[in-house]
Amino acid sequence: MPRLLTDEEIERQLDDLPDWAREGDTLSATLDAPDFPAAIRLVDEVAVEAQEMDHHPDIDIRWRTTRWVLSTHSEGGLTQLDIELAHRISQAAARLGAVRHG
């Protein structure tokens, strides 16, 4: 069973995740893909990773913009699973040319 991370652990690990921000008990990122098909490919790639991890993000898709929210609901906050999935999402985004929104 995953362990909740401390505030210090979260902040330290966010240094390596520039596209991500903490919002209470979640991590979030909004990423713009080059176009709608690339946004869907990003979701498809992450779906495979998330299924392998048995840890699933909340995803919102608006044209080429994707919003990702991570939390370990069973633990009521953030665990290392969320950090790992954030890294995997960022890596997939980089491969597909998606960048931080704004």
PDB file of N, CA and C in Angstrom:
ATOM      1  N   MET A   1       0.847  -1.179   0.000  1.00  0.00           N
ATOM      2  CA  MET A   1       0.000   0.000   0.000  1.00  0.00           C
ATOM      3  C   MET A   1       0.897   1.248   0.000  1.00  0.00           C
ATOM      4  N   PRO A   2       0.630   2.204  -0.873  1.00  0.00           N
ATOM      5  CA  PRO A   2       1.482   3.393  -0.940  1.00  0.00           C
ATOM      6  C   PRO A   2       1.329   4.266   0.305  1.00  0.00           C
ATOM      7  N   ARG A   3       2.377   4.989   0.604  1.00  0.00           N
ATOM      8  CA  ARG A   3       2.419   5.870   1.766  1.00  0.00           C
ATOM      9  C   ARG A   3       2.249   7.310   1.306  1.00  0.00           C
ATOM     10  N   LEU A   4       1.500   8.093   2.070  1.00  0.00           N
ATOM     11  CA  LEU A   4       1.375   9.515   1.768  1.00  0.00           C
ATOM     12  C   LEU A   4       2.734  10.186   1.876  1.00  0.00           C
ATOM     13  N   LEU A   5       3.021  11.071   0.941  1.00  0.00           N
ATOM     14  CA  LEU A   5       4.267  11.834   0.973  1.00  0.00           C
ATOM     15  C   LEU A   5       4.115  13.033   1.899  1.00  0.00           C
ATOM     16  N   THR A   6       5.224  13.437   2.503  1.00  0.00           N
ATOM     17  CA  THR A   6       5.220  14.651   3.316  1.00  0.00           C
ATOM     18  C   THR A   6       5.253  15.867   2.396  1.00  0.00           C
ATOM     19  N   ASP A   7       4.911  17.019   2.938  1.00  0.00           N
ATOM     20  CA  ASP A   7       4.981  18.255   2.153  1.00  0.00           C
ATOM     21  C   ASP A   7       6.384  18.472   1.606  1.00  0.00           C
ATOM     22  N   GLU A   8       7.389  18.194   2.408  1.00  0.00           N
ATOM     23  CA  GLU A   8       8.774  18.385   1.978  1.00  0.00           C
ATOM     24  C   GLU A   8       9.136  17.443   0.832  1.00  0.00           C
ATOM     25  N   GLU A   9       8.708  16.200   0.922  1.00  0.00           N
ATOM     26  CA  GLU A   9       8.975  15.241  -0.155  1.00  0.00           C
ATOM     27  C   GLU A   9       8.300  15.673  -1.455  1.00  0.00           C
ATOM     28  N   ILE A  10       7.085  16.153  -1.343  1.00  0.00           N
ATOM     29  CA  ILE A  10       6.361  16.601  -2.538  1.00  0.00           C
ATOM     30  C   ILE A  10       7.070  17.789  -3.171  1.00  0.00           C
ATOM     31  N   GLU A  11       7.376  18.801  -2.383  1.00  0.00           N
ATOM     32  CA  GLU A  11       8.016  20.008  -2.919  1.00  0.00           C
ATOM     33  C   GLU A  11       9.366  19.687  -3.556  1.00  0.00           C
ATOM     34  N   ARG A  12      10.142  18.831  -2.918  1.00  0.00           N
ATOM     35  CA  ARG A  12      11.451  18.464  -3.463  1.00  0.00           C
ATOM     36  C   ARG A  12      11.300  17.766  -4.818  1.00  0.00           C
ATOM     37  N   GLN A  13      10.343  16.864  -4.922  1.00  0.00           N
ATOM     38  CA  GLN A  13      10.172  16.123  -6.170  1.00  0.00           C
ATOM     39  C   GLN A  13       9.520  16.961  -7.267  1.00  0.00           C
ATOM     40  N   LEU A  14       8.765  17.972  -6.891  1.00  0.00           N
ATOM     41  CA  LEU A  14       8.188  18.869  -7.895  1.00  0.00           C
ATOM     42  C   LEU A  14       9.260  19.679  -8.615  1.00  0.00           C
ATOM     43  N   ASP A  15      10.426  19.833  -8.009  1.00  0.00           N
ATOM     44  CA  ASP A  15      11.532  20.534  -8.678  1.00  0.00           C
ATOM     45  C   ASP A  15      11.890  19.861 -10.002  1.00  0.00           C
ATOM     46  N   ASP A  16      11.673  18.557 -10.093  1.00  0.00           N
ATOM     47  CA  ASP A  16      11.978  17.802 -11.315  1.00  0.00           C
ATOM     48  C   ASP A  16      10.774  17.682 -12.248  1.00  0.00           C
ATOM     49  N   LEU A  17       9.683  18.360 -11.916  1.00  0.00           N
ATOM     50  CA  LEU A  17       8.450  18.283 -12.708  1.00  0.00           C
ATOM     51  C   LEU A  17       7.950  19.697 -13.016  1.00  0.00           C
ATOM     52  N   PRO A  18       8.640  20.413 -13.893  1.00  0.00           N
ATOM     53  CA  PRO A  18       8.302  21.827 -14.108  1.00  0.00           C
ATOM     54  C   PRO A  18       6.909  22.077 -14.687  1.00  0.00           C
ATOM     55  N   ASP A  19       6.300  21.080 -15.310  1.00  0.00           N
ATOM     56  CA  ASP A  19       4.961  21.263 -15.873  1.00  0.00           C
ATOM     57  C   ASP A  19       3.854  21.065 -14.841  1.00  0.00           C
ATOM     58  N   TRP A  20       4.226  20.632 -13.659  1.00  0.00           N
ATOM     59  CA  TRP A  20       3.257  20.224 -12.652  1.00  0.00           C
ATOM     60  C   TRP A  20       3.205  21.194 -11.484  1.00  0.00           C
ATOM     61  N   ALA A  21       2.010  21.303 -10.874  1.00  0.00           N
ATOM     62  CA  ALA A  21       1.818  22.140  -9.688  1.00  0.00           C
ATOM     63  C   ALA A  21       0.985  21.365  -8.672  1.00  0.00           C
ATOM     64  N   ARG A  22       1.223  21.690  -7.436  1.00  0.00           N
ATOM     65  CA  ARG A  22       0.415  21.084  -6.383  1.00  0.00           C
ATOM     66  C   ARG A  22      -0.837  21.928  -6.185  1.00  0.00           C
ATOM     67  N   GLU A  23      -1.959  21.249  -6.101  1.00  0.00           N
ATOM     68  CA  GLU A  23      -3.240  21.893  -5.799  1.00  0.00           C
ATOM     69  C   GLU A  23      -3.879  21.098  -4.668  1.00  0.00           C
ATOM     70  N   GLY A  24      -3.610  21.487  -3.446  1.00  0.00           N
ATOM     71  CA  GLY A  24      -4.126  20.752  -2.291  1.00  0.00           C
ATOM     72  C   GLY A  24      -3.553  19.357  -2.241  1.00  0.00           C
ATOM     73  N   ASP A  25      -4.425  18.364  -2.319  1.00  0.00           N
ATOM     74  CA  ASP A  25      -4.009  16.960  -2.263  1.00  0.00           C
ATOM     75  C   ASP A  25      -3.847  16.353  -3.647  1.00  0.00           C
ATOM     76  N   THR A  26      -3.629  17.201  -4.666  1.00  0.00           N
ATOM     77  CA  THR A  26      -3.451  16.707  -6.027  1.00  0.00           C
ATOM     78  C   THR A  26      -2.246  17.365  -6.685  1.00  0.00           C
ATOM     79  N   LEU A  27      -1.782  16.743  -7.765  1.00  0.00           N
ATOM     80  CA  LEU A  27      -0.844  17.364  -8.694  1.00  0.00           C
ATOM     81  C   LEU A  27      -1.616  17.604  -9.978  1.00  0.00           C
ATOM     82  N   SER A  28      -1.346  18.733 -10.637  1.00  0.00           N
ATOM     83  CA  SER A  28      -2.039  19.000 -11.893  1.00  0.00           C
ATOM     84  C   SER A  28      -1.084  19.581 -12.917  1.00  0.00           C
ATOM     85  N   ALA A  29      -1.414  19.333 -14.172  1.00  0.00           N
ATOM     86  CA  ALA A  29      -0.675  19.905 -15.299  1.00  0.00           C
ATOM     87  C   ALA A  29      -1.662  20.116 -16.434  1.00  0.00           C
ATOM     88  N   THR A  30      -1.480  21.216 -17.154  1.00  0.00           N
ATOM     89  CA  THR A  30      -2.256  21.481 -18.358  1.00  0.00           C
ATOM     90  C   THR A  30      -1.267  21.578 -19.505  1.00  0.00           C
ATOM     91  N   LEU A  31      -1.449  20.719 -20.496  1.00  0.00           N
ATOM     92  CA  LEU A  31      -0.493  20.581 -21.592  1.00  0.00           C
ATOM     93  C   LEU A  31      -1.187  20.780 -22.930  1.00  0.00           C
ATOM     94  N   ASP A  32      -0.529  21.526 -23.811  1.00  0.00           N
ATOM     95  CA  ASP A  32      -1.030  21.755 -25.165  1.00  0.00           C
ATOM     96  C   ASP A  32      -0.264  20.881 -26.144  1.00  0.00           C
ATOM     97  N   ALA A  33      -0.986  20.025 -26.837  1.00  0.00           N
ATOM     98  CA  ALA A  33      -0.403  19.201 -27.899  1.00  0.00           C
ATOM     99  C   ALA A  33      -0.414  20.004 -29.199  1.00  0.00           C
ATOM    100  N   PRO A  34       0.345  19.571 -30.200  1.00  0.00           N
ATOM    101  CA  PRO A  34       0.354  20.294 -31.474  1.00  0.00           C
ATOM    102  C   PRO A  34      -1.022  20.365 -32.143  1.00  0.00           C
ATOM    103  N   ASP A  35      -1.844  19.324 -31.961  1.00  0.00           N
ATOM    104  CA  ASP A  35      -3.172  19.298 -32.566  1.00  0.00           C
ATOM    105  C   ASP A  35      -4.018  18.260 -31.824  1.00  0.00           C
ATOM    106  N   PHE A  36      -5.277  18.157 -32.204  1.00  0.00           N
ATOM    107  CA  PHE A  36      -6.184  17.233 -31.525  1.00  0.00           C
ATOM    108  C   PHE A  36      -5.730  15.777 -31.616  1.00  0.00           C
ATOM    109  N   PRO A  37      -5.317  15.282 -32.804  1.00  0.00           N
ATOM    110  CA  PRO A  37      -4.853  13.893 -32.849  1.00  0.00           C
ATOM    111  C   PRO A  37      -3.663  13.631 -31.914  1.00  0.00           C
ATOM    112  N   ALA A  38      -2.759  14.595 -31.786  1.00  0.00           N
ATOM    113  CA  ALA A  38      -1.621  14.415 -30.873  1.00  0.00           C
ATOM    114  C   ALA A  38      -2.095  14.378 -29.423  1.00  0.00           C
ATOM    115  N   ALA A  39      -3.097  15.167 -29.086  1.00  0.00           N
ATOM    116  CA  ALA A  39      -3.648  15.135 -27.725  1.00  0.00           C
ATOM    117  C   ALA A  39      -4.244  13.765 -27.424  1.00  0.00           C
ATOM    118  N   ILE A  40      -4.934  13.202 -28.392  1.00  0.00           N
ATOM    119  CA  ILE A  40      -5.522  11.873 -28.202  1.00  0.00           C
ATOM    120  C   ILE A  40      -4.430  10.811 -28.107  1.00  0.00           C
ATOM    121  N   ARG A  41      -3.376  10.933 -28.900  1.00  0.00           N
ATOM    122  CA  ARG A  41      -2.249   9.987 -28.798  1.00  0.00           C
ATOM    123  C   ARG A  41      -1.612  10.069 -27.411  1.00  0.00           C
ATOM    124  N   LEU A  42      -1.495  11.287 -26.874  1.00  0.00           N
ATOM    125  CA  LEU A  42      -0.941  11.451 -25.527  1.00  0.00           C
ATOM    126  C   LEU A  42      -1.806  10.704 -24.513  1.00  0.00           C
ATOM    127  N   VAL A  43      -3.100  10.891 -24.586  1.00  0.00           N
ATOM    128  CA  VAL A  43      -4.003  10.184 -23.671  1.00  0.00           C
ATOM    129  C   VAL A  43      -3.868   8.672 -23.857  1.00  0.00           C
ATOM    130  N   ASP A  44      -3.790   8.217 -25.100  1.00  0.00           N
ATOM    131  CA  ASP A  44      -3.636   6.781 -25.366  1.00  0.00           C
ATOM    132  C   ASP A  44      -2.343   6.230 -24.764  1.00  0.00           C
ATOM    133  N   GLU A  45      -1.236   6.955 -24.944  1.00  0.00           N
ATOM    134  CA  GLU A  45       0.044   6.493 -24.388  1.00  0.00           C
ATOM    135  C   GLU A  45      -0.010   6.434 -22.870  1.00  0.00           C
ATOM    136  N   VAL A  46      -0.563   7.473 -22.268  1.00  0.00           N
ATOM    137  CA  VAL A  46      -0.645   7.502 -20.807  1.00  0.00           C
ATOM    138  C   VAL A  46      -1.587   6.415 -20.300  1.00  0.00           C
ATOM    139  N   ALA A  47      -2.632   6.108 -21.047  1.00  0.00           N
ATOM    140  CA  ALA A  47      -3.560   5.054 -20.626  1.00  0.00           C
ATOM    141  C   ALA A  47      -2.839   3.725 -20.447  1.00  0.00           C
ATOM    142  N   VAL A  48      -1.924   3.416 -21.347  1.00  0.00           N
ATOM    143  CA  VAL A  48      -1.155   2.173 -21.243  1.00  0.00           C
ATOM    144  C   VAL A  48      -0.287   2.204 -19.986  1.00  0.00           C
ATOM    145  N   GLU A  49       0.425   3.310 -19.776  1.00  0.00           N
ATOM    146  CA  GLU A  49       1.283   3.446 -18.588  1.00  0.00           C
ATOM    147  C   GLU A  49       0.448   3.346 -17.306  1.00  0.00           C
ATOM    148  N   ALA A  50      -0.668   4.064 -17.280  1.00  0.00           N
ATOM    149  CA  ALA A  50      -1.512   4.082 -16.083  1.00  0.00           C
ATOM    150  C   ALA A  50      -2.066   2.692 -15.780  1.00  0.00           C
ATOM    151  N   GLN A  51      -2.449   1.978 -16.817  1.00  0.00           N
ATOM    152  CA  GLN A  51      -2.979   0.634 -16.614  1.00  0.00           C
ATOM    153  C   GLN A  51      -1.902  -0.288 -16.055  1.00  0.00           C
ATOM    154  N   GLU A  52      -0.673  -0.169 -16.577  1.00  0.00           N
ATOM    155  CA  GLU A  52       0.435  -0.981 -16.056  1.00  0.00           C
ATOM    156  C   GLU A  52       0.694  -0.675 -14.584  1.00  0.00           C
ATOM    157  N   MET A  53       0.563   0.599 -14.211  1.00  0.00           N
ATOM    158  CA  MET A  53       0.804   1.013 -12.827  1.00  0.00           C
ATOM    159  C   MET A  53      -0.403   0.755 -11.921  1.00  0.00           C
ATOM    160  N   ASP A  54      -1.565   0.490 -12.524  1.00  0.00           N
ATOM    161  CA  ASP A  54      -2.832   0.417 -11.795  1.00  0.00           C
ATOM    162  C   ASP A  54      -3.057   1.705 -10.999  1.00  0.00           C
ATOM    163  N   HIS A  55      -2.786   2.826 -11.686  1.00  0.00           N
ATOM    164  CA  HIS A  55      -2.938   4.157 -11.079  1.00  0.00           C
ATOM    165  C   HIS A  55      -3.391   5.100 -12.192  1.00  0.00           C
ATOM    166  N   HIS A  56      -4.594   5.627 -12.073  1.00  0.00           N
ATOM    167  CA  HIS A  56      -5.232   6.285 -13.211  1.00  0.00           C
ATOM    168  C   HIS A  56      -5.465   7.770 -12.958  1.00  0.00           C
ATOM    169  N   PRO A  57      -5.090   8.614 -13.920  1.00  0.00           N
ATOM    170  CA  PRO A  57      -5.274  10.056 -13.769  1.00  0.00           C
ATOM    171  C   PRO A  57      -6.700  10.481 -14.116  1.00  0.00           C
ATOM    172  N   ASP A  58      -7.080  11.638 -13.606  1.00  0.00           N
ATOM    173  CA  ASP A  58      -8.273  12.320 -14.100  1.00  0.00           C
ATOM    174  C   ASP A  58      -7.815  13.162 -15.285  1.00  0.00           C
ATOM    175  N   ILE A  59      -8.526  13.069 -16.408  1.00  0.00           N
ATOM    176  CA  ILE A  59      -8.107  13.729 -17.646  1.00  0.00           C
ATOM    177  C   ILE A  59      -9.279  14.517 -18.220  1.00  0.00           C
ATOM    178  N   ASP A  60      -8.980  15.736 -18.646  1.00  0.00           N
ATOM    179  CA  ASP A  60      -9.942  16.562 -19.364  1.00  0.00           C
ATOM    180  C   ASP A  60      -9.307  16.955 -20.689  1.00  0.00           C
ATOM    181  N   ILE A  61     -10.034  16.763 -21.794  1.00  0.00           N
ATOM    182  CA  ILE A  61      -9.515  17.095 -23.128  1.00  0.00           C
ATOM    183  C   ILE A  61     -10.407  18.171 -23.734  1.00  0.00           C
ATOM    184  N   ARG A  62      -9.779  19.261 -24.162  1.00  0.00           N
ATOM    185  CA  ARG A  62     -10.471  20.347 -24.861  1.00  0.00           C
ATOM    186  C   ARG A  62      -9.649  20.679 -26.091  1.00  0.00           C
ATOM    187  N   TRP A  63     -10.067  20.207 -27.242  1.00  0.00           N
ATOM    188  CA  TRP A  63      -9.351  20.340 -28.499  1.00  0.00           C
ATOM    189  C   TRP A  63      -7.945  19.801 -28.314  1.00  0.00           C
ATOM    190  N   ARG A  64      -6.911  20.612 -28.337  1.00  0.00           N
ATOM    191  CA  ARG A  64      -5.540  20.113 -28.218  1.00  0.00           C
ATOM    192  C   ARG A  64      -4.979  20.266 -26.805  1.00  0.00           C
ATOM    193  N   THR A  65      -5.804  20.760 -25.888  1.00  0.00           N
ATOM    194  CA  THR A  65      -5.375  20.991 -24.510  1.00  0.00           C
ATOM    195  C   THR A  65      -5.849  19.857 -23.616  1.00  0.00           C
ATOM    196  N   THR A  66      -4.907  19.292 -22.862  1.00  0.00           N
ATOM    197  CA  THR A  66      -5.239  18.240 -21.903  1.00  0.00           C
ATOM    198  C   THR A  66      -4.918  18.731 -20.501  1.00  0.00           C
ATOM    199  N   ARG A  67      -5.807  18.433 -19.573  1.00  0.00           N
ATOM    200  CA  ARG A  67      -5.557  18.745 -18.163  1.00  0.00           C
ATOM    201  C   ARG A  67      -5.516  17.427 -17.403  1.00  0.00           C
ATOM    202  N   TRP A  68      -4.477  17.292 -16.610  1.00  0.00           N
ATOM    203  CA  TRP A  68      -4.219  16.064 -15.865  1.00  0.00           C
ATOM    204  C   TRP A  68      -4.259  16.370 -14.371  1.00  0.00           C
ATOM    205  N   VAL A  69      -4.943  15.534 -13.611  1.00  0.00           N
ATOM    206  CA  VAL A  69      -4.983  15.678 -12.160  1.00  0.00           C
ATOM    207  C   VAL A  69      -4.682  14.310 -11.555  1.00  0.00           C
ATOM    208  N   LEU A  70      -3.715  14.309 -10.640  1.00  0.00           N
ATOM    209  CA  LEU A  70      -3.261  13.064 -10.015  1.00  0.00           C
ATOM    210  C   LEU A  70      -3.457  13.120  -8.506  1.00  0.00           C
ATOM    211  N   SER A  71      -3.888  12.024  -7.951  1.00  0.00           N
ATOM    212  CA  SER A  71      -3.997  11.855  -6.508  1.00  0.00           C
ATOM    213  C   SER A  71      -4.196  10.366  -6.250  1.00  0.00           C
ATOM    214  N   THR A  72      -3.739   9.915  -5.115  1.00  0.00           N
ATOM    215  CA  THR A  72      -3.989   8.530  -4.725  1.00  0.00           C
ATOM    216  C   THR A  72      -5.222   8.545  -3.832  1.00  0.00           C
ATOM    217  N   HIS A  73      -6.375   8.343  -4.441  1.00  0.00           N
ATOM    218  CA  HIS A  73      -7.646   8.492  -3.736  1.00  0.00           C
ATOM    219  C   HIS A  73      -7.752   7.547  -2.543  1.00  0.00           C
ATOM    220  N   SER A  74      -7.219   6.339  -2.674  1.00  0.00           N
ATOM    221  CA  SER A  74      -7.315   5.367  -1.580  1.00  0.00           C
ATOM    222  C   SER A  74      -6.566   5.826  -0.338  1.00  0.00           C
ATOM    223  N   GLU A  75      -5.562   6.695  -0.529  1.00  0.00           N
ATOM    224  CA  GLU A  75      -4.771   7.189   0.597  1.00  0.00           C
ATOM    225  C   GLU A  75      -5.173   8.607   1.004  1.00  0.00           C
ATOM    226  N   GLY A  76      -5.986   9.249   0.185  1.00  0.00           N
ATOM    227  CA  GLY A  76      -6.442  10.592   0.521  1.00  0.00           C
ATOM    228  C   GLY A  76      -5.407  11.677   0.304  1.00  0.00           C
ATOM    229  N   GLY A  77      -4.513  11.475  -0.657  1.00  0.00           N
ATOM    230  CA  GLY A  77      -3.494  12.490  -0.921  1.00  0.00           C
ATOM    231  C   GLY A  77      -2.490  12.004  -1.940  1.00  0.00           C
ATOM    232  N   LEU A  78      -1.287  12.545  -1.845  1.00  0.00           N
ATOM    233  CA  LEU A  78      -0.242  12.267  -2.829  1.00  0.00           C
ATOM    234  C   LEU A  78       0.729  11.208  -2.330  1.00  0.00           C
ATOM    235  N   THR A  79       1.038  10.261  -3.227  1.00  0.00           N
ATOM    236  CA  THR A  79       2.007   9.213  -2.937  1.00  0.00           C
ATOM    237  C   THR A  79       3.042   9.188  -4.057  1.00  0.00           C
ATOM    238  N   GLN A  80       4.018   8.314  -3.908  1.00  0.00           N
ATOM    239  CA  GLN A  80       5.045   8.183  -4.937  1.00  0.00           C
ATOM    240  C   GLN A  80       4.448   7.742  -6.274  1.00  0.00           C
ATOM    241  N   LEU A  81       3.326   7.061  -6.252  1.00  0.00           N
ATOM    242  CA  LEU A  81       2.650   6.687  -7.498  1.00  0.00           C
ATOM    243  C   LEU A  81       2.296   7.921  -8.323  1.00  0.00           C
ATOM    244  N   ASP A  82       1.864   8.977  -7.662  1.00  0.00           N
ATOM    245  CA  ASP A  82       1.501  10.208  -8.368  1.00  0.00           C
ATOM    246  C   ASP A  82       2.724  10.870  -8.983  1.00  0.00           C
ATOM    247  N   ILE A  83       3.820  10.877  -8.252  1.00  0.00           N
ATOM    248  CA  ILE A  83       5.067  11.456  -8.770  1.00  0.00           C
ATOM    249  C   ILE A  83       5.538  10.665  -9.986  1.00  0.00           C
ATOM    250  N   GLU A  84       5.514   9.344  -9.875  1.00  0.00           N
ATOM    251  CA  GLU A  84       5.961   8.493 -10.984  1.00  0.00           C
ATOM    252  C   GLU A  84       5.074   8.680 -12.210  1.00  0.00           C
ATOM    253  N   LEU A  85       3.768   8.723 -12.013  1.00  0.00           N
ATOM    254  CA  LEU A  85       2.877   8.906 -13.155  1.00  0.00           C
ATOM    255  C   LEU A  85       3.054  10.294 -13.767  1.00  0.00           C
ATOM    256  N   ALA A  86       3.285  11.309 -12.960  1.00  0.00           N
ATOM    257  CA  ALA A  86       3.545  12.653 -13.492  1.00  0.00           C
ATOM    258  C   ALA A  86       4.779  12.637 -14.389  1.00  0.00           C
ATOM    259  N   HIS A  87       5.833  11.950 -13.961  1.00  0.00           N
ATOM    260  CA  HIS A  87       7.035  11.832 -14.802  1.00  0.00           C
ATOM    261  C   HIS A  87       6.706  11.139 -16.126  1.00  0.00           C
ATOM    262  N   ARG A  88       5.948  10.077 -16.062  1.00  0.00           N
ATOM    263  CA  ARG A  88       5.612   9.334 -17.283  1.00  0.00           C
ATOM    264  C   ARG A  88       4.750  10.177 -18.229  1.00  0.00           C
ATOM    265  N   ILE A  89       3.825  10.943 -17.676  1.00  0.00           N
ATOM    266  CA  ILE A  89       3.002  11.825 -18.507  1.00  0.00           C
ATOM    267  C   ILE A  89       3.877  12.882 -19.163  1.00  0.00           C
ATOM    268  N   SER A  90       4.780  13.475 -18.399  1.00  0.00           N
ATOM    269  CA  SER A  90       5.675  14.502 -18.950  1.00  0.00           C
ATOM    270  C   SER A  90       6.572  13.935 -20.042  1.00  0.00           C
ATOM    271  N   GLN A  91       7.056  12.715 -19.852  1.00  0.00           N
ATOM    272  CA  GLN A  91       7.902  12.086 -20.872  1.00  0.00           C
ATOM    273  C   GLN A  91       7.111  11.821 -22.150  1.00  0.00           C
ATOM    274  N   ALA A  92       5.896  11.329 -22.013  1.00  0.00           N
ATOM    275  CA  ALA A  92       5.051  11.092 -23.190  1.00  0.00           C
ATOM    276  C   ALA A  92       4.727  12.413 -23.882  1.00  0.00           C
ATOM    277  N   ALA A  93       4.450  13.441 -23.108  1.00  0.00           N
ATOM    278  CA  ALA A  93       4.151  14.760 -23.681  1.00  0.00           C
ATOM    279  C   ALA A  93       5.335  15.277 -24.486  1.00  0.00           C
ATOM    280  N   ALA A  94       6.530  15.128 -23.944  1.00  0.00           N
ATOM    281  CA  ALA A  94       7.729  15.596 -24.653  1.00  0.00           C
ATOM    282  C   ALA A  94       7.905  14.843 -25.972  1.00  0.00           C
ATOM    283  N   ARG A  95       7.676  13.534 -25.957  1.00  0.00           N
ATOM    284  CA  ARG A  95       7.800  12.741 -27.188  1.00  0.00           C
ATOM    285  C   ARG A  95       6.825  13.205 -28.267  1.00  0.00           C
ATOM    286  N   LEU A  96       5.649  13.656 -27.847  1.00  0.00           N
ATOM    287  CA  LEU A  96       4.596  14.028 -28.793  1.00  0.00           C
ATOM    288  C   LEU A  96       4.539  15.529 -29.074  1.00  0.00           C
ATOM    289  N   GLY A  97       5.466  16.279 -28.497  1.00  0.00           N
ATOM    290  CA  GLY A  97       5.514  17.716 -28.765  1.00  0.00           C
ATOM    291  C   GLY A  97       4.517  18.539 -27.980  1.00  0.00           C
ATOM    292  N   ALA A  98       3.970  17.995 -26.904  1.00  0.00           N
ATOM    293  CA  ALA A  98       3.051  18.757 -26.054  1.00  0.00           C
ATOM    294  C   ALA A  98       3.859  19.595 -25.070  1.00  0.00           C
ATOM    295  N   VAL A  99       3.394  20.803 -24.820  1.00  0.00           N
ATOM    296  CA  VAL A  99       4.092  21.736 -23.929  1.00  0.00           C
ATOM    297  C   VAL A  99       3.122  22.288 -22.894  1.00  0.00           C
ATOM    298  N   ARG A 100       3.696  22.865 -21.851  1.00  0.00           N
ATOM    299  CA  ARG A 100       2.895  23.469 -20.786  1.00  0.00           C
ATOM    300  C   ARG A 100       1.977  24.539 -21.371  1.00  0.00           C
ATOM    301  N   HIS A 101       0.741  24.523 -20.961  1.00  0.00           N
ATOM    302  CA  HIS A 101      -0.261  25.486 -21.436  1.00  0.00           C
ATOM    303  C   HIS A 101       0.106  26.897 -20.981  1.00  0.00           C
ATOM    304  N   GLY A 102      -0.131  27.842 -21.879  1.00  0.00           N
ATOM    305  CA  GLY A 102       0.067  29.247 -21.498  1.00  0.00           C
ATOM    306  C   GLY A 102       1.242  29.831 -22.036  1.00  0.00           C
TER     307      GLY A 102
END
